C-alpha atoms as a PDB file:
ATOM      1  CA  MET A   1      86.850  81.266 121.710  1.00  0.00           C
ATOM      2  CA  ILE A   2      83.244  81.627 122.475  1.00  0.00           C
ATOM      3  CA  ARG A   3      83.194  82.626 126.790  1.00  0.00           C
ATOM      4  CA  ASP A   4      79.330  82.806 127.155  1.00  0.00           C
ATOM      5  CA  LYS A   5      78.042  79.459 128.011  1.00  0.00           C
ATOM      6  CA  ARG A   6      74.743  80.279 127.011  1.00  0.00           C
ATOM      7  CA  LEU A   7      75.684  81.113 123.408  1.00  0.00           C
ATOM      8  CA  ARG A   8      78.153  78.334 123.077  1.00  0.00           C
ATOM      9  CA  THR A   9      74.950  76.168 123.611  1.00  0.00           C
ATOM     10  CA  PHE A  10      72.837  77.695 121.217  1.00  0.00           C
ATOM     11  CA  LEU A  11      75.558  77.492 118.602  1.00  0.00           C
ATOM     12  CA  VAL A  12      75.638  73.600 119.346  1.00  0.00           C
ATOM     13  CA  LEU A  13      71.856  73.882 118.840  1.00  0.00           C
ATOM     14  CA  LEU A  14      72.614  75.579 115.884  1.00  0.00           C
ATOM     15  CA  VAL A  15      74.948  73.413 113.780  1.00  0.00           C
ATOM     16  CA  SER A  16      74.497  70.104 115.426  1.00  0.00           C
ATOM     17  CA  THR A  17      70.999  68.945 117.696  1.00  0.00           C
ATOM     18  CA  MET A  18      68.756  70.352 114.760  1.00  0.00           C
ATOM     19  CA  ALA A  19      70.518  67.274 112.618  1.00  0.00           C
ATOM     20  CA  LEU A  20      68.955  65.027 114.810  1.00  0.00           C
ATOM     21  CA  LEU A  21      65.440  65.802 114.466  1.00  0.00           C
ATOM     22  CA  VAL A  22      65.399  64.672 110.822  1.00  0.00           C
ATOM     23  CA  GLY A  23      66.394  61.190 111.570  1.00  0.00           C
ATOM     24  CA  CYS A  24      69.340  59.215 110.270  1.00  0.00           C
ATOM     25  CA  ALA A  25      68.008  58.991 106.628  1.00  0.00           C
ATOM     26  CA  THR A  26      70.017  62.154 106.157  1.00  0.00           C
ATOM     27  CA  PRO A  27      73.567  61.253 105.423  1.00  0.00           C
ATOM     28  CA  LYS A  28      75.674  64.205 106.978  1.00  0.00           C
ATOM     29  CA  PRO A  29      77.728  66.494 104.149  1.00  0.00           C
ATOM     30  CA  GLN A  30      81.475  65.112 103.742  1.00  0.00           C
ATOM     31  CA  PRO A  31      84.000  67.847 103.749  1.00  0.00           C
ATOM     32  CA  PHE A  32      86.169  68.701 100.936  1.00  0.00           C
ATOM     33  CA  ASN A  33      89.416  66.434 101.461  1.00  0.00           C
ATOM     34  CA  LEU A  34      92.469  68.894 100.338  1.00  0.00           C
ATOM     35  CA  THR A  35      94.783  66.120 100.177  1.00  0.00           C
ATOM     36  CA  ALA A  36      92.871  63.737  98.033  1.00  0.00           C
ATOM     37  CA  ASP A  37      94.014  62.327  94.647  1.00  0.00           C
ATOM     38  CA  GLN A  38      93.596  64.956  92.227  1.00  0.00           C
ATOM     39  CA  THR A  39      92.155  62.649  89.781  1.00  0.00           C
ATOM     40  CA  THR A  40      89.464  61.704  92.184  1.00  0.00           C
ATOM     41  CA  LEU A  41      88.745  65.191  93.120  1.00  0.00           C
ATOM     42  CA  THR A  42      88.016  66.246  89.472  1.00  0.00           C
ATOM     43  CA  GLN A  43      85.670  63.048  88.865  1.00  0.00           C
ATOM     44  CA  GLN A  44      83.775  63.893  91.990  1.00  0.00           C
ATOM     45  CA  TYR A  45      83.743  67.618  91.576  1.00  0.00           C
ATOM     46  CA  VAL A  46      84.259  69.173  88.121  1.00  0.00           C
ATOM     47  CA  GLU A  47      82.286  68.916  85.299  1.00  0.00           C
ATOM     48  CA  ILE A  48      83.683  69.393  81.776  1.00  0.00           C
ATOM     49  CA  LYS A  49      82.837  71.208  78.879  1.00  0.00           C
ATOM     50  CA  LYS A  50      84.473  70.935  75.047  1.00  0.00           C
ATOM     51  CA  ALA A  51      87.861  70.781  76.649  1.00  0.00           C
ATOM     52  CA  ASN A  52      89.166  70.225  73.222  1.00  0.00           C
ATOM     53  CA  LYS A  53      88.782  73.592  72.383  1.00  0.00           C
ATOM     54  CA  LEU A  54      91.635  74.701  74.427  1.00  0.00           C
ATOM     55  CA  LYS A  55      93.906  72.950  71.896  1.00  0.00           C
ATOM     56  CA  GLY A  56      97.263  74.997  71.131  1.00  0.00           C
ATOM     57  CA  ILE A  57      96.126  77.939  73.364  1.00  0.00           C
ATOM     58  CA  LYS A  58      99.268  79.968  74.145  1.00  0.00           C
ATOM     59  CA  LYS A  59      98.250  82.994  75.672  1.00  0.00           C
ATOM     60  CA  VAL A  60      94.748  84.211  77.863  1.00  0.00           C
ATOM     61  CA  ALA A  61      93.312  87.411  78.808  1.00  0.00           C
ATOM     62  CA  ILE A  62      91.432  87.353  81.921  1.00  0.00           C
ATOM     63  CA  SER A  63      88.347  89.606  81.223  1.00  0.00           C
ATOM     64  CA  GLN A  64      86.877  88.672  84.633  1.00  0.00           C
ATOM     65  CA  TYR A  65      87.708  87.386  88.064  1.00  0.00           C
ATOM     66  CA  PHE A  66      84.885  87.679  90.513  1.00  0.00           C
ATOM     67  CA  VAL A  67      83.946  86.245  93.777  1.00  0.00           C
ATOM     68  CA  GLU A  68      80.952  86.461  95.120  1.00  0.00           C
ATOM     69  CA  PHE A  69      80.654  86.033  99.451  1.00  0.00           C
ATOM     70  CA  VAL A  70      76.760  85.034 100.686  1.00  0.00           C
ATOM     71  CA  THR A  71      76.448  87.237 103.392  1.00  0.00           C
ATOM     72  CA  LYS A  72      72.898  86.550 104.308  1.00  0.00           C
ATOM     73  CA  SER A  73      71.366  83.406 103.868  1.00  0.00           C
ATOM     74  CA  TYR A  74      67.693  81.823 104.104  1.00  0.00           C
ATOM     75  CA  GLY A  75      66.122  78.693 104.264  1.00  0.00           C
ATOM     76  CA  GLY A  76      61.963  78.433 104.569  1.00  0.00           C
ATOM     77  CA  ALA A  77      59.733  75.158 104.770  1.00  0.00           C
ATOM     78  CA  THR A  78      55.667  74.615 104.983  1.00  0.00           C
ATOM     79  CA  ALA A  79      54.335  71.788 105.939  1.00  0.00           C
ATOM     80  CA  SER A  80      51.036  70.800 106.268  1.00  0.00           C
ATOM     81  CA  ASN A  81      48.359  67.796 106.979  1.00  0.00           C
ATOM     82  CA  ALA A  82      44.643  67.959 106.031  1.00  0.00           C
ATOM     83  CA  GLN A  83      43.668  64.992 108.083  1.00  0.00           C
ATOM     84  CA  GLN A  84      44.635  66.943 111.535  1.00  0.00           C
ATOM     85  CA  LYS A  85      43.873  70.512 109.797  1.00  0.00           C
ATOM     86  CA  SER A  86      47.632  71.697 110.917  1.00  0.00           C
ATOM     87  CA  SER A  87      49.644  73.594 109.094  1.00  0.00           C
ATOM     88  CA  SER A  88      53.275  75.232 109.791  1.00  0.00           C
ATOM     89  CA  THR A  89      55.917  77.651 108.317  1.00  0.00           C
ATOM     90  CA  VAL A  90      59.454  77.954 109.557  1.00  0.00           C
ATOM     91  CA  GLY A  91      61.733  80.579 107.983  1.00  0.00           C
ATOM     92  CA  VAL A  92      65.457  81.367 109.047  1.00  0.00           C
ATOM     93  CA  TRP A  93      67.604  84.106 108.245  1.00  0.00           C
ATOM     94  CA  ALA A  94      71.478  84.013 109.014  1.00  0.00           C
ATOM     95  CA  ASN A  95      73.549  86.839 108.747  1.00  0.00           C
ATOM     96  CA  LEU A  96      77.205  86.492 108.532  1.00  0.00           C
ATOM     97  CA  LYS A  97      79.178  89.177 110.597  1.00  0.00           C
ATOM     98  CA  GLY A  98      83.051  89.658 111.307  1.00  0.00           C
ATOM     99  CA  ILE A  99      84.027  90.072 107.672  1.00  0.00           C
ATOM    100  CA  GLU A 100      84.764  93.440 106.793  1.00  0.00           C
ATOM    101  CA  THR A 101      85.397  94.806 102.553  1.00  0.00           C
ATOM    102  CA  GLU A 102      88.460  95.170 102.908  1.00  0.00           C
ATOM    103  CA  GLN A 103      88.602  91.617 103.992  1.00  0.00           C
ATOM    104  CA  PHE A 104      86.624  90.308 101.090  1.00  0.00           C
ATOM    105  CA  GLN A 105      88.042  91.997  98.291  1.00  0.00           C
ATOM    106  CA  ALA A 106      91.907  90.855  99.793  1.00  0.00           C
ATOM    107  CA  ILE A 107      90.827  87.238  99.709  1.00  0.00           C
ATOM    108  CA  THR A 108      89.685  87.923  95.608  1.00  0.00           C
ATOM    109  CA  ASP A 109      92.863  89.876  94.811  1.00  0.00           C
ATOM    110  CA  LYS A 110      95.114  87.069  96.313  1.00  0.00           C
ATOM    111  CA  MET A 111      93.134  84.379  94.629  1.00  0.00           C
ATOM    112  CA  TYR A 112      93.416  86.236  91.463  1.00  0.00           C
ATOM    113  CA  GLU A 113      97.233  86.675  91.288  1.00  0.00           C
ATOM    114  CA  GLN A 114      97.681  83.309  92.647  1.00  0.00           C
ATOM    115  CA  MET A 115      95.659  81.912  89.341  1.00  0.00           C
ATOM    116  CA  VAL A 116      97.792  84.647  87.339  1.00  0.00           C
ATOM    117  CA  GLU A 117     101.003  82.847  88.468  1.00  0.00           C
ATOM    118  CA  GLU A 118      99.878  79.777  87.863  1.00  0.00           C
ATOM    119  CA  PHE A 119      99.419  80.468  84.121  1.00  0.00           C
ATOM    120  CA  LYS A 120     102.852  81.700  84.140  1.00  0.00           C
ATOM    121  CA  LYS A 121     104.444  78.838  85.504  1.00  0.00           C
ATOM    122  CA  ALA A 122     102.817  76.588  82.864  1.00  0.00           C
ATOM    123  CA  GLY A 123     104.198  79.044  80.175  1.00  0.00           C
ATOM    124  CA  ILE A 124     101.238  80.516  79.484  1.00  0.00           C
ATOM    125  CA  GLU A 125     100.878  84.299  78.608  1.00  0.00           C
ATOM    126  CA  VAL A 126      98.830  86.341  80.419  1.00  0.00           C
ATOM    127  CA  ILE A 127      97.596  89.449  78.700  1.00  0.00           C
ATOM    128  CA  PRO A 128      98.161  92.720  81.601  1.00  0.00           C
ATOM    129  CA  VAL A 129      95.088  93.949  82.378  1.00  0.00           C
ATOM    130  CA  GLU A 130      96.167  97.752  81.074  1.00  0.00           C
ATOM    131  CA  GLN A 131      96.813  96.198  77.499  1.00  0.00           C
ATOM    132  CA  LEU A 132      93.516  94.290  77.640  1.00  0.00           C
ATOM    133  CA  LYS A 133      91.540  97.629  78.284  1.00  0.00           C
ATOM    134  CA  GLN A 134      93.205  99.255  75.267  1.00  0.00           C
ATOM    135  CA  SER A 135      90.676  96.666  73.028  1.00  0.00           C
ATOM    136  CA  LYS A 136      87.785  98.423  71.623  1.00  0.00           C
ATOM    137  CA  SER A 137      85.976  94.927  71.836  1.00  0.00           C
ATOM    138  CA  PHE A 138      86.939  94.995  75.794  1.00  0.00           C
ATOM    139  CA  GLN A 139      85.778  98.275  76.010  1.00  0.00           C
ATOM    140  CA  LYS A 140      82.332  97.168  74.528  1.00  0.00           C
ATOM    141  CA  LEU A 141      82.098  94.304  76.751  1.00  0.00           C
ATOM    142  CA  VAL A 142      82.286  96.377  79.947  1.00  0.00           C
ATOM    143  CA  GLU A 143      79.976  98.972  78.605  1.00  0.00           C
ATOM    144  CA  LYS A 144      77.416  97.525  81.163  1.00  0.00           C
ATOM    145  CA  GLU A 145      79.893  96.839  83.967  1.00  0.00           C
ATOM    146  CA  LYS A 146      79.021  97.395  87.527  1.00  0.00           C
ATOM    147  CA  LYS A 147      81.022  98.960  90.500  1.00  0.00           C
ATOM    148  CA  ALA A 148      82.271  96.438  92.777  1.00  0.00           C
ATOM    149  CA  PRO A 149      81.503  95.915  95.595  1.00  0.00           C
ATOM    150  CA  TYR A 150      78.091  95.143  94.349  1.00  0.00           C
ATOM    151  CA  GLU A 151      75.218  93.825  96.379  1.00  0.00           C
ATOM    152  CA  ILE A 152      73.179  91.605  94.854  1.00  0.00           C
ATOM    153  CA  SER A 153      69.998  89.712  96.557  1.00  0.00           C
ATOM    154  CA  SER A 154      67.834  86.630  95.736  1.00  0.00           C
ATOM    155  CA  TRP A 155      64.970  85.180  97.548  1.00  0.00           C
ATOM    156  CA  ASN A 156      67.350  82.817  99.675  1.00  0.00           C
ATOM    157  CA  ARG A 157      70.552  85.106  99.583  1.00  0.00           C
ATOM    158  CA  THR A 158      71.953  88.191 100.016  1.00  0.00           C
ATOM    159  CA  SER A 159      75.828  88.700  98.513  1.00  0.00           C
ATOM    160  CA  GLN A 160      78.825  91.241  97.850  1.00  0.00           C
ATOM    161  CA  MET A 161      80.243  90.525  94.520  1.00  0.00           C
ATOM    162  CA  PHE A 162      84.061  91.489  94.288  1.00  0.00           C
ATOM    163  CA  ALA A 163      86.275  92.055  91.235  1.00  0.00           C
ATOM    164  CA  ALA A 164      89.651  91.280  91.230  1.00  0.00           C
ATOM    165  CA  LYS A 165      91.560  94.727  91.325  1.00  0.00           C
ATOM    166  CA  GLY A 166      91.540  96.487  87.809  1.00  0.00           C
ATOM    167  CA  LEU A 167      88.764  94.176  86.495  1.00  0.00           C
ATOM    168  CA  PRO A 168      85.209  94.668  85.274  1.00  0.00           C
ATOM    169  CA  LEU A 169      82.396  93.414  87.010  1.00  0.00           C
ATOM    170  CA  TYR A 170      79.769  92.319  84.504  1.00  0.00           C
ATOM    171  CA  PHE A 171      77.034  89.348  84.246  1.00  0.00           C
ATOM    172  CA  ASP A 172      75.955  87.024  81.428  1.00  0.00           C
ATOM    173  CA  PRO A 173      72.049  86.907  80.633  1.00  0.00           C
ATOM    174  CA  ASN A 174      72.197  83.707  81.401  1.00  0.00           C
ATOM    175  CA  ASP A 175      73.580  83.827  84.689  1.00  0.00           C
ATOM    176  CA  LYS A 176      71.329  82.019  87.296  1.00  0.00           C
ATOM    177  CA  ARG A 177      71.988  85.216  89.710  1.00  0.00           C
ATOM    178  CA  LEU A 178      70.148  87.206  87.572  1.00  0.00           C
ATOM    179  CA  GLY A 179      66.932  85.210  88.163  1.00  0.00           C
ATOM    180  CA  LEU A 180      64.910  84.597  91.387  1.00  0.00           C
ATOM    181  CA  GLY A 181      63.280  87.947  90.926  1.00  0.00           C
ATOM    182  CA  ASN A 182      66.285  90.231  90.961  1.00  0.00           C
ATOM    183  CA  MET A 183      65.912  93.528  90.565  1.00  0.00           C
ATOM    184  CA  PHE A 184      68.943  94.520  87.948  1.00  0.00           C
ATOM    185  CA  ALA A 185      68.106  91.362  85.511  1.00  0.00           C
ATOM    186  CA  SER A 186      66.385  93.569  82.886  1.00  0.00           C
ATOM    187  CA  GLN A 187      69.402  95.853  82.184  1.00  0.00           C
ATOM    188  CA  PHE A 188      71.421  92.350  80.892  1.00  0.00           C
ATOM    189  CA  SER A 189      68.351  90.931  78.848  1.00  0.00           C
ATOM    190  CA  ASN A 190      70.096  92.382  75.608  1.00  0.00           C
ATOM    191  CA  PHE A 191      73.404  91.924  76.627  1.00  0.00           C
ATOM    192  CA  ASN A 192      75.919  89.197  74.812  1.00  0.00           C
ATOM    193  CA  PRO A 193      79.052  89.350  76.622  1.00  0.00           C
ATOM    194  CA  GLU A 194      80.393  86.418  74.745  1.00  0.00           C
ATOM    195  CA  LYS A 195      80.220  88.366  71.439  1.00  0.00           C
ATOM    196  CA  TRP A 196      82.621  90.325  72.713  1.00  0.00           C
ATOM    197  CA  GLU A 197      84.760  88.064  74.338  1.00  0.00           C
ATOM    198  CA  GLU A 198      84.927  86.155  70.610  1.00  0.00           C
ATOM    199  CA  LYS A 199      86.109  89.551  69.349  1.00  0.00           C
ATOM    200  CA  ILE A 200      88.430  90.247  71.808  1.00  0.00           C
ATOM    201  CA  ALA A 201      89.934  86.252  71.343  1.00  0.00           C
ATOM    202  CA  GLU A 202      90.368  86.997  67.528  1.00  0.00           C
ATOM    203  CA  GLU A 203      91.506  90.821  68.001  1.00  0.00           C
ATOM    204  CA  MET A 204      94.401  89.523  70.366  1.00  0.00           C
ATOM    205  CA  ASP A 205      94.799  86.340  69.173  1.00  0.00           C
ATOM    206  CA  THR A 206      94.077  84.901  72.706  1.00  0.00           C
ATOM    207  CA  ALA A 207      91.830  82.802  75.021  1.00  0.00           C
ATOM    208  CA  VAL A 208      89.668  85.026  77.073  1.00  0.00           C
ATOM    209  CA  LEU A 209      89.121  83.428  80.415  1.00  0.00           C
ATOM    210  CA  LYS A 210      86.170  84.326  83.006  1.00  0.00           C
ATOM    211  CA  ALA A 211      86.546  83.188  86.963  1.00  0.00           C
ATOM    212  CA  ASN A 212      83.860  82.975  88.816  1.00  0.00           C
ATOM    213  CA  PHE A 213      83.437  81.667  92.527  1.00  0.00           C
ATOM    214  CA  THR A 214      80.819  81.783  95.244  1.00  0.00           C
ATOM    215  CA  VAL A 215      81.129  81.413  98.599  1.00  0.00           C
ATOM    216  CA  THR A 216      78.729  81.083 101.359  1.00  0.00           C
ATOM    217  CA  TYR A 217      78.470  80.471 105.456  1.00  0.00           C
ATOM    218  CA  ALA A 218      75.123  78.690 106.221  1.00  0.00           C
ATOM    219  CA  ASN A 219      73.634  75.852 104.338  1.00  0.00           C
ATOM    220  CA  MET A 220      69.705  75.312 105.053  1.00  0.00           C
ATOM    221  CA  GLU A 221      68.243  72.023 104.596  1.00  0.00           C
ATOM    222  CA  THR A 222      64.401  72.375 104.419  1.00  0.00           C
ATOM    223  CA  LYS A 223      61.652  69.703 104.919  1.00  0.00           C
ATOM    224  CA  GLY A 224      57.971  70.341 104.425  1.00  0.00           C
ATOM    225  CA  GLY A 225      54.973  69.394 102.329  1.00  0.00           C
ATOM    226  CA  GLN A 226      52.045  67.388 102.578  1.00  0.00           C
ATOM    227  CA  PHE A 227      51.009  65.264 105.235  1.00  0.00           C
ATOM    228  CA  ARG A 228      53.889  66.486 107.879  1.00  0.00           C
ATOM    229  CA  ASN A 229      53.240  67.530 111.061  1.00  0.00           C
ATOM    230  CA  LYS A 230      55.858  70.024 111.515  1.00  0.00           C
ATOM    231  CA  ALA A 231      58.172  72.216 108.994  1.00  0.00           C
ATOM    232  CA  GLU A 232      61.983  71.660 109.592  1.00  0.00           C
ATOM    233  CA  VAL A 233      65.053  73.532 108.656  1.00  0.00           C
ATOM    234  CA  ASN A 234      68.063  72.846 109.565  1.00  0.00           C
ATOM    235  CA  THR A 235      71.304  75.055 109.439  1.00  0.00           C
ATOM    236  CA  ASP A 236      74.636  74.344 109.040  1.00  0.00           C
ATOM    237  CA  LEU A 237      77.727  77.000 109.595  1.00  0.00           C
ATOM    238  CA  LYS A 238      80.064  75.561 107.456  1.00  0.00           C
ATOM    239  CA  VAL A 239      82.216  78.039 104.679  1.00  0.00           C
ATOM    240  CA  THR A 240      81.087  76.198 101.524  1.00  0.00           C
ATOM    241  CA  LEU A 241      81.638  76.669  97.576  1.00  0.00           C
ATOM    242  CA  ILE A 242      78.311  77.071  95.353  1.00  0.00           C
ATOM    243  CA  PRO A 243      78.123  74.109  92.623  1.00  0.00           C
ATOM    244  CA  GLU A 244      77.266  75.831  89.304  1.00  0.00           C
ATOM    245  CA  ASP A 245      77.855  79.473  90.089  1.00  0.00           C
ATOM    246  CA  THR A 246      81.603  77.972  90.718  1.00  0.00           C
ATOM    247  CA  ASN A 247      82.952  78.068  87.161  1.00  0.00           C
ATOM    248  CA  TYR A 248      85.690  78.936  84.889  1.00  0.00           C
ATOM    249  CA  THR A 249      84.251  79.671  81.138  1.00  0.00           C
ATOM    250  CA  VAL A 250      87.492  80.304  78.414  1.00  0.00           C
ATOM    251  CA  VAL A 251      86.565  81.501  74.683  1.00  0.00           C
ATOM    252  CA  SER A 252      89.099  80.917  72.168  1.00  0.00           C
ATOM    253  CA  LYS A 253      88.645  81.247  68.295  1.00  0.00           C
ATOM    254  CA  ASN A 254      87.786  77.298  68.477  1.00  0.00           C
ATOM    255  CA  GLY A 255      84.953  77.311  70.678  1.00  0.00           C
ATOM    256  CA  THR A 256      83.964  77.728  74.118  1.00  0.00           C
ATOM    257  CA  SER A 257      85.133  75.491  77.060  1.00  0.00           C
ATOM    258  CA  ARG A 258      83.939  75.530  80.616  1.00  0.00           C
ATOM    259  CA  PHE A 259      84.538  74.048  84.098  1.00  0.00           C
ATOM    260  CA  ILE A 260      81.884  74.107  86.275  1.00  0.00           C
ATOM    261  CA  LEU A 261      81.734  72.912  90.082  1.00  0.00           C
ATOM    262  CA  LYS A 262      79.148  70.240  90.190  1.00  0.00           C
ATOM    263  CA  GLU A 263      78.694  69.550  94.082  1.00  0.00           C
ATOM    264  CA  PRO A 264      79.253  71.589  96.865  1.00  0.00           C
ATOM    265  CA  VAL A 265      82.883  71.553  98.666  1.00  0.00           C
ATOM    266  CA  PHE A 266      82.269  71.741 102.246  1.00  0.00           C
ATOM    267  CA  ALA A 267      85.323  72.975 104.134  1.00  0.00           C
ATOM    268  CA  ASP A 268      86.122  71.451 107.519  1.00  0.00           C
ATOM    269  CA  GLY A 269      87.122  73.925 110.108  1.00  0.00           C
ATOM    270  CA  LYS A 270      86.113  76.088 112.655  1.00  0.00           C
ATOM    271  CA  PHE A 271      85.022  80.138 112.069  1.00  0.00           C
ATOM    272  CA  ILE A 272      82.296  81.088 113.939  1.00  0.00           C
ATOM    273  CA  ILE A 273      83.130  82.387 117.229  1.00  0.00           C
ATOM    274  CA  GLU A 274      79.709  83.774 118.363  1.00  0.00           C
ATOM    275  CA  VAL A 275      76.334  83.622 117.258  1.00  0.00           C
ATOM    276  CA  LYS A 276      73.194  86.025 118.462  1.00  0.00           C
ATOM    277  CA  ASP A 277      69.224  86.492 117.874  1.00  0.00           C
ATOM    278  CA  ALA A 278      69.011  89.344 115.403  1.00  0.00           C
ATOM    279  CA  LEU A 279      65.117  89.574 116.312  1.00  0.00           C
ATOM    280  CA  THR A 280      65.960  91.172 119.693  1.00  0.00           C
ATOM    281  CA  ALA A 281      68.441  93.217 121.099  1.00  0.00           C
ATOM    282  CA  GLY A 282      70.758  92.447 124.393  1.00  0.00           C
ATOM    283  CA  ASP A 283      71.719  89.732 125.999  1.00  0.00           C
ATOM    284  CA  LYS A 284      69.509  86.198 126.099  1.00  0.00           C
ATOM    285  CA  THR A 285      68.536  84.212 128.861  1.00  0.00           C
ATOM    286  CA  ALA A 286      68.899  80.384 128.893  1.00  0.00           C
ATOM    287  CA  ASN A 287      64.836  80.686 127.979  1.00  0.00           C
ATOM    288  CA  ALA A 288      65.264  82.433 125.044  1.00  0.00           C
ATOM    289  CA  LEU A 289      67.834  80.942 123.710  1.00  0.00           C
ATOM    290  CA  SER A 290      65.836  77.646 124.125  1.00  0.00           C
ATOM    291  CA  SER A 291      63.108  79.312 122.200  1.00  0.00           C
ATOM    292  CA  ILE A 292      65.426  80.177 119.068  1.00  0.00           C
ATOM    293  CA  ALA A 293      66.776  76.916 118.600  1.00  0.00           C
ATOM    294  CA  GLY A 294      63.102  76.034 118.518  1.00  0.00           C
ATOM    295  CA  ALA A 295      62.302  78.007 115.954  1.00  0.00           C
ATOM    296  CA  PHE A 296      63.797  75.952 113.508  1.00  0.00           C
ATOM    297  CA  SER A 297      61.166  73.304 113.583  1.00  0.00           C
ATOM    298  CA  GLY A 298      57.634  73.570 114.167  1.00  0.00           C
ATOM    299  CA  THR A 299      53.797  73.030 114.170  1.00  0.00           C
ATOM    300  CA  THR A 300      52.777  76.959 113.708  1.00  0.00           C
ATOM    301  CA  SER A 301      54.676  79.795 111.792  1.00  0.00           C
ATOM    302  CA  LYS A 302      57.782  80.790 113.567  1.00  0.00           C
ATOM    303  CA  THR A 303      60.757  83.036 112.281  1.00  0.00           C
ATOM    304  CA  LEU A 304      64.467  83.417 113.368  1.00  0.00           C
ATOM    305  CA  LYS A 305      67.035  85.569 112.345  1.00  0.00           C
ATOM    306  CA  PHE A 306      70.487  85.118 113.808  1.00  0.00           C
ATOM    307  CA  ASP A 307      73.767  86.791 113.476  1.00  0.00           C
ATOM    308  CA  ALA A 308      76.896  84.669 113.018  1.00  0.00           C
ATOM    309  CA  LYS A 309      79.998  86.569 113.887  1.00  0.00           C
ATOM    310  CA  ALA A 310      82.951  85.327 112.204  1.00  0.00           C
ATOM    311  CA  ASP A 311      86.289  84.844 113.227  1.00  0.00           C
ATOM    312  CA  SER A 312      88.007  86.635 110.331  1.00  0.00           C
ATOM    313  CA  ALA A 313      91.181  85.326 110.138  1.00  0.00           C
ATOM    314  CA  ALA A 314      89.929  81.670 110.127  1.00  0.00           C
ATOM    315  CA  TYR A 315      87.260  82.552 107.412  1.00  0.00           C
ATOM    316  CA  LYS A 316      90.173  83.871 105.134  1.00  0.00           C
ATOM    317  CA  ASP A 317      91.998  80.894 105.808  1.00  0.00           C
ATOM    318  CA  LEU A 318      89.174  78.019 104.717  1.00  0.00           C
ATOM    319  CA  VAL A 319      87.954  80.089 101.967  1.00  0.00           C
ATOM    320  CA  GLU A 320      91.679  80.811 100.457  1.00  0.00           C
ATOM    321  CA  LYS A 321      92.603  77.067 100.697  1.00  0.00           C
ATOM    322  CA  HIS A 322      89.130  75.916  99.103  1.00  0.00           C
ATOM    323  CA  ILE A 323      88.591  78.321  96.113  1.00  0.00           C
ATOM    324  CA  GLY A 324      92.496  77.430  95.868  1.00  0.00           C
ATOM    325  CA  ALA A 325      92.098  73.703  95.501  1.00  0.00           C
ATOM    326  CA  ILE A 326      89.334  74.082  93.069  1.00  0.00           C
ATOM    327  CA  ASP A 327      91.160  76.551  91.028  1.00  0.00           C
ATOM    328  CA  ASN A 328      93.832  73.881  90.850  1.00  0.00           C
ATOM    329  CA  LEU A 329      91.435  71.024  89.805  1.00  0.00           C
ATOM    330  CA  PHE A 330      89.804  73.910  87.044  1.00  0.00           C
ATOM    331  CA  PHE A 331      93.298  74.876  85.707  1.00  0.00           C
ATOM    332  CA  ASN A 332      94.902  71.122  85.839  1.00  0.00           C
ATOM    333  CA  GLN A 333      92.269  70.044  83.092  1.00  0.00           C
ATOM    334  CA  MET A 334      92.933  73.034  81.188  1.00  0.00           C
ATOM    335  CA  LYS A 335      96.388  72.702  81.247  1.00  0.00           C
ATOM    336  CA  ALA A 336      96.089  69.298  79.743  1.00  0.00           C
ATOM    337  CA  ASN A 337      94.478  70.020  76.941  1.00  0.00           C
ATOM    338  CA  PHE A 338      96.137  73.610  76.031  1.00  0.00           C
END
């Protein structure tokens, strides 16, 4: 519960009032319906590539299971109007607070264990991690392994990457996380993980699964461009699974299948309990809070940095429910093609 009336007012401005400034033309994102028909959800959210390559699979080796938790998010916009000789730039940084490293790891481990149980219930053998580590091809695969948790940054977000306990953290050179100016992208430029995943599939007569999820908490909508008098950044604080970066890849002797989240999954639930300006220290006056909210739009250059403190239990519940829901959609499509 947000006890400070001023902070409560700021949070309302942050997640609600600014949406009104962009007008009625922008539809409000609809939350993911956890109880909706599975077929309908699959059609809306899941892109399936080459599912026929899964035919005949009886066992699976999970070579990777990681969750990327976004902890800093950025949105920026620039507007200019030559006729009025005006320009404006607005930038917003949102920092997630209140979630400890151990909690991120616990979420990752729980969701991994849940997936393993799904396979077992479906009659699919899951190769134990210790057995997988004996494979020479797997040992080659993890030569460029990164120690988790691993921080990764791009121009619009900073994330903490967590691998399920006992599993490696490695990247494909085609992964978009390695672009956008990432500092260690060059380390993977000559690395071809699928080559070694294919060898594991042959060596152990199994399918090889990689499962990746990306979770954010702040969605930034930016508006700018020519002939606009005002740049705008609108922030919506929602637990959200990011499309494309959330996916399953299954490599087998038949080929490679992919299951990709194609739309954002917006969670319907409150989890932020406190919002504070991160540019200055101490309590804020009502006027100061109004200035912070105003930084989301303007006719001059403005920057807003704020800390959003989450209730860890509420955050955990929302993340687990929605990762679980998408995992279920992916898994059901995999199972239908075994």
